């Protein structure tokens, strides 16, 4: 699995974290001071990158947490397969099938065969992030 470890206290809003096995983007993180009994705690609110669901986590700030390794790659749309899009990676020329983004109707509109896109490989699973401007 392509993850690395980080200390929870080192993460900030906008960083990525794995909660319940799903990669998430942190939208809010608050740290409580050390109390009389125990260590400082961090309260994390994050949004799942694939499910879009809100996830929360409370743990001591010195806890080791998983951070997904995100590979940013470029591809080209080959075909619209209904619920998914067939892409060709522009470096490896591999063809992959990627689930259509549900939360961005404007992006869906631009995913036509021939369109250049940026996709992220997150923990081995591809996700279309944006279309790239046409070169030329």
Protein backbone atom coordinates (compact mmCIF):
# COMPACT_ATOMS: atom_id res chain seq x y z
CA UNK A 1 0.00 0.00 0.00
CA UNK A 2 1.41 3.40 -0.89
CA UNK A 3 1.29 5.25 2.41
CA UNK A 4 3.83 6.86 4.67
CA UNK A 5 3.64 7.68 8.35
CA UNK A 6 3.51 11.08 10.03
CA UNK A 7 2.90 12.35 13.55
CA UNK A 8 -0.66 13.61 13.94
CA UNK A 9 0.54 16.84 15.60
CA UNK A 10 2.58 17.74 12.48
CA UNK A 11 -0.41 17.71 10.11
CA UNK A 12 -2.25 20.88 9.07
CA UNK A 13 -5.46 21.83 7.28
CA UNK A 14 -5.15 20.82 3.61
CA UNK A 15 -2.88 17.83 4.33
CA UNK A 16 -3.99 14.29 3.58
CA UNK A 17 -4.54 11.47 6.08
CA UNK A 18 -5.90 7.91 6.02
CA UNK A 19 -8.94 7.46 8.29
CA UNK A 20 -10.71 4.07 8.42
CA UNK A 21 -8.68 2.92 5.42
CA UNK A 22 -9.80 5.81 3.19
CA UNK A 23 -7.55 8.65 2.05
CA UNK A 24 -9.01 11.99 3.18
CA UNK A 25 -8.17 15.70 2.95
CA UNK A 26 -8.07 17.51 6.29
CA UNK A 27 -10.57 20.40 6.40
CA UNK A 28 -10.19 21.23 10.08
CA UNK A 29 -7.71 20.30 12.79
CA UNK A 30 -7.76 21.54 16.36
CA UNK A 31 -5.22 20.73 19.02
CA UNK A 32 -6.08 20.72 22.72
CA UNK A 33 -3.36 21.53 25.24
CA UNK A 34 -1.93 18.86 27.49
CA UNK A 35 -4.26 18.25 30.41
CA UNK A 36 -3.49 17.24 33.95
CA UNK A 37 -3.88 13.58 32.97
CA UNK A 38 -2.23 12.71 29.69
CA UNK A 39 -1.04 14.11 26.42
CA UNK A 40 -2.24 16.83 24.04
CA UNK A 41 -5.03 15.70 21.74
CA UNK A 42 -5.80 16.56 18.13
CA UNK A 43 -9.31 16.57 16.67
CA UNK A 44 -9.30 16.06 12.91
CA UNK A 45 -12.21 16.60 10.51
CA UNK A 46 -11.53 15.30 7.00
CA UNK A 47 -13.41 14.59 3.77
CA UNK A 48 -12.92 11.24 2.00
CA UNK A 49 -11.30 11.69 -1.43
CA UNK A 50 -13.32 8.88 -3.03
CA UNK A 51 -16.53 8.75 -0.98
CA UNK A 52 -16.86 12.47 -0.20
CA UNK A 53 -17.99 11.57 3.33
CA UNK A 54 -16.95 13.50 6.41
CA UNK A 55 -14.72 11.59 8.80
CA UNK A 56 -13.47 12.58 12.22
CA UNK A 57 -10.64 11.36 14.39
CA UNK A 58 -9.49 12.25 17.89
CA UNK A 59 -6.09 11.03 19.04
CA UNK A 60 -3.02 12.16 20.97
CA UNK A 61 -0.84 14.53 18.90
CA UNK A 62 2.12 12.12 19.11
CA UNK A 63 0.15 9.31 17.40
CA UNK A 64 1.66 7.93 14.18
CA UNK A 65 -0.94 8.15 11.39
CA UNK A 66 -0.94 7.01 7.78
CA UNK A 67 -0.62 9.65 5.06
CA UNK A 68 -1.46 8.56 1.49
CA UNK A 69 1.28 8.98 -1.11
CA UNK A 70 -0.30 10.82 -4.02
CA UNK A 71 1.17 10.50 -7.50
CA UNK A 72 0.02 13.29 -9.81
CA UNK A 73 -0.15 12.03 -13.39
CA UNK A 74 -1.39 13.16 -16.78
CA UNK A 75 -3.69 11.23 -19.03
CA UNK A 76 -5.94 11.48 -22.03
CA UNK A 77 -9.59 10.45 -22.19
CA UNK A 78 -10.08 7.57 -24.63
CA UNK A 79 -13.74 6.72 -24.09
CA UNK A 80 -16.79 7.36 -21.96
CA UNK A 81 -17.93 4.00 -20.58
CA UNK A 82 -21.10 5.17 -18.83
CA UNK A 83 -20.21 5.11 -15.11
CA UNK A 84 -16.49 5.37 -15.78
CA UNK A 85 -13.93 6.91 -18.12
CA UNK A 86 -11.21 5.04 -19.99
CA UNK A 87 -7.88 6.89 -19.78
CA UNK A 88 -4.45 6.48 -21.26
CA UNK A 89 -1.52 7.50 -19.06
CA UNK A 90 0.63 9.91 -21.09
CA UNK A 91 3.90 8.59 -19.61
CA UNK A 92 3.39 4.83 -19.51
CA UNK A 93 0.69 4.59 -22.23
CA UNK A 94 -1.22 2.20 -19.96
CA UNK A 95 -4.99 2.31 -20.30
CA UNK A 96 -6.98 2.43 -17.08
CA UNK A 97 -10.62 2.73 -16.15
CA UNK A 98 -11.49 5.50 -13.68
CA UNK A 99 -14.78 6.13 -11.92
CA UNK A 100 -16.45 9.36 -13.07
CA UNK A 101 -16.20 12.24 -10.59
CA UNK A 102 -19.65 12.63 -9.02
CA UNK A 103 -19.18 15.93 -7.21
CA UNK A 104 -18.16 18.17 -10.14
CA UNK A 105 -20.70 18.54 -13.00
CA UNK A 106 -18.48 21.06 -14.87
CA UNK A 107 -15.56 18.60 -14.89
CA UNK A 108 -17.87 15.81 -16.10
CA UNK A 109 -18.93 18.03 -19.00
CA UNK A 110 -15.30 18.43 -20.14
CA UNK A 111 -14.41 14.71 -19.98
CA UNK A 112 -14.76 14.05 -23.70
CA UNK A 113 -12.58 11.66 -25.73
CA UNK A 114 -9.28 13.40 -26.52
CA UNK A 115 -9.37 15.68 -23.46
CA UNK A 116 -6.12 15.99 -21.49
CA UNK A 117 -6.61 15.46 -17.78
CA UNK A 118 -4.67 15.35 -14.54
CA UNK A 119 -5.41 12.37 -12.37
CA UNK A 120 -4.04 11.36 -9.01
CA UNK A 121 -3.03 7.84 -8.09
CA UNK A 122 -3.94 7.60 -4.41
CA UNK A 123 -3.08 4.34 -2.64
CA UNK A 124 -3.21 2.58 -6.01
CA UNK A 125 -6.62 3.97 -6.97
CA UNK A 126 -6.96 6.63 -9.70
CA UNK A 127 -9.09 9.78 -9.30
CA UNK A 128 -9.67 12.40 -12.01
CA UNK A 129 -8.88 15.84 -10.58
CA UNK A 130 -9.08 18.36 -13.45
CA UNK A 131 -8.82 18.82 -17.18
CA UNK A 132 -5.67 20.35 -18.58
CA UNK A 133 -5.62 23.18 -21.13
CA UNK A 134 -5.09 22.11 -24.72
CA UNK A 135 -1.54 22.57 -25.94
CA UNK A 136 -0.90 24.03 -29.33
